[in-house]
């Protein structure tokens, strides 16, 4: 009782609450937490069968754990993906999704607008294994086509991008990837599976930092890779088992419970963010507002088609460059200065000195990450209170 019937198509809200649920003989209403590293066997024959893959039971929590499995099944049902595998962090998910199948001589085409950690992996880590890359303007389909080479195996992007909120045409890029015999990997952390499910547009692999909206309350780290059964069996599973970026059962329990309210939280954040974006556009010390939900966003039509709502992140630029941006941050009384995002609490960061500080000034300029730019993750506080705090802080410039 309480578990979803196999093969039946349930609504999103039902999947968020009950997906992956497996109750023990105690019939607990809350998901059980299995804090164990290992498992006992009824016999040596059973142990042998499990190691051979002939018995479906668990072997070791680096390989699999009942609580982690519940989280994985739930997020896969929400995403509409065949399978999911959880990792310790979002960056572990990104790294595993790339390294588990790329090899020396392969090539990656990636959108240049992405989280600094992802760019580091592509530009600094992959070359150590003989894997080359080309960074392009992800908004240009011609740039994607031109970037593809005979040895291209992966196209990688995030949309909306961090922190410039550039939006990329998922279906068109997926078509380019598949025509070239490559896979499309999408970092979907800003949109979340509530607003955007890239596999519906042809993406082969989707990655998340579950630390962000999926937890949404600043409690724990986590990551997810979603893919098909073939990719899991041939590449991802063996890589994860032998490199060990395992999610802890406790974190899986926290994240699984957080999924129950993900739809409610994300939609409320989007509503608040849209109001804050409009408010900032009226402020005299704000020189630019970037928000996919506003008609003045360059890819507003595409964002509306792919995401429906504008997201929880608002990026804006202020007068006075770095000095002006720092003055605004120092004057805030309610909004926290933090490089995290997707939290119930509103958070603000200065990308050029935090998330993207490792990039050269030239690389930041190419991306449009200016010293006057601030990235605001809008939370669940009363939007009037967020607006009041921002308005008073802008007077500090």
Foldseek 3Di string as FASTA:
>chain_A
DLADDPPDQDDLLSLLLHFLADDDPVPDPAGDFDQDFADDDPDVVRLVCVVVVNDPDDGGVLQHDSLQSSLFRSLCSLLVFATKHKFQALLVQLLLVPPQPDAAPAEEEEALQAWLSNVCCQPPVVVVRNYYYDYDNQQDLVRLLVRDDLRYAEYEYEALGPPQRDGHQLLSSLVSQVVSVHAYEYADAQLRSLFANSVVSRHAKYKYFCCAQLLQANDHTMMMIGHHPVCCVPTRSVSSSVVRRGHRSVVSSSSSNSSSCSNVFWVLLLVLQVVLQVLLVPDPFWPDKAWLCDPPHPCVVSSCVRGVTGGNKIKTFGPDFLVLQVQLQVQFDQEDDDPGASHQGKYKYQCCVPRVVPDDPVSCVVVVSTSRMMMIRGHNDDSVVVSVRSNVSSVRD
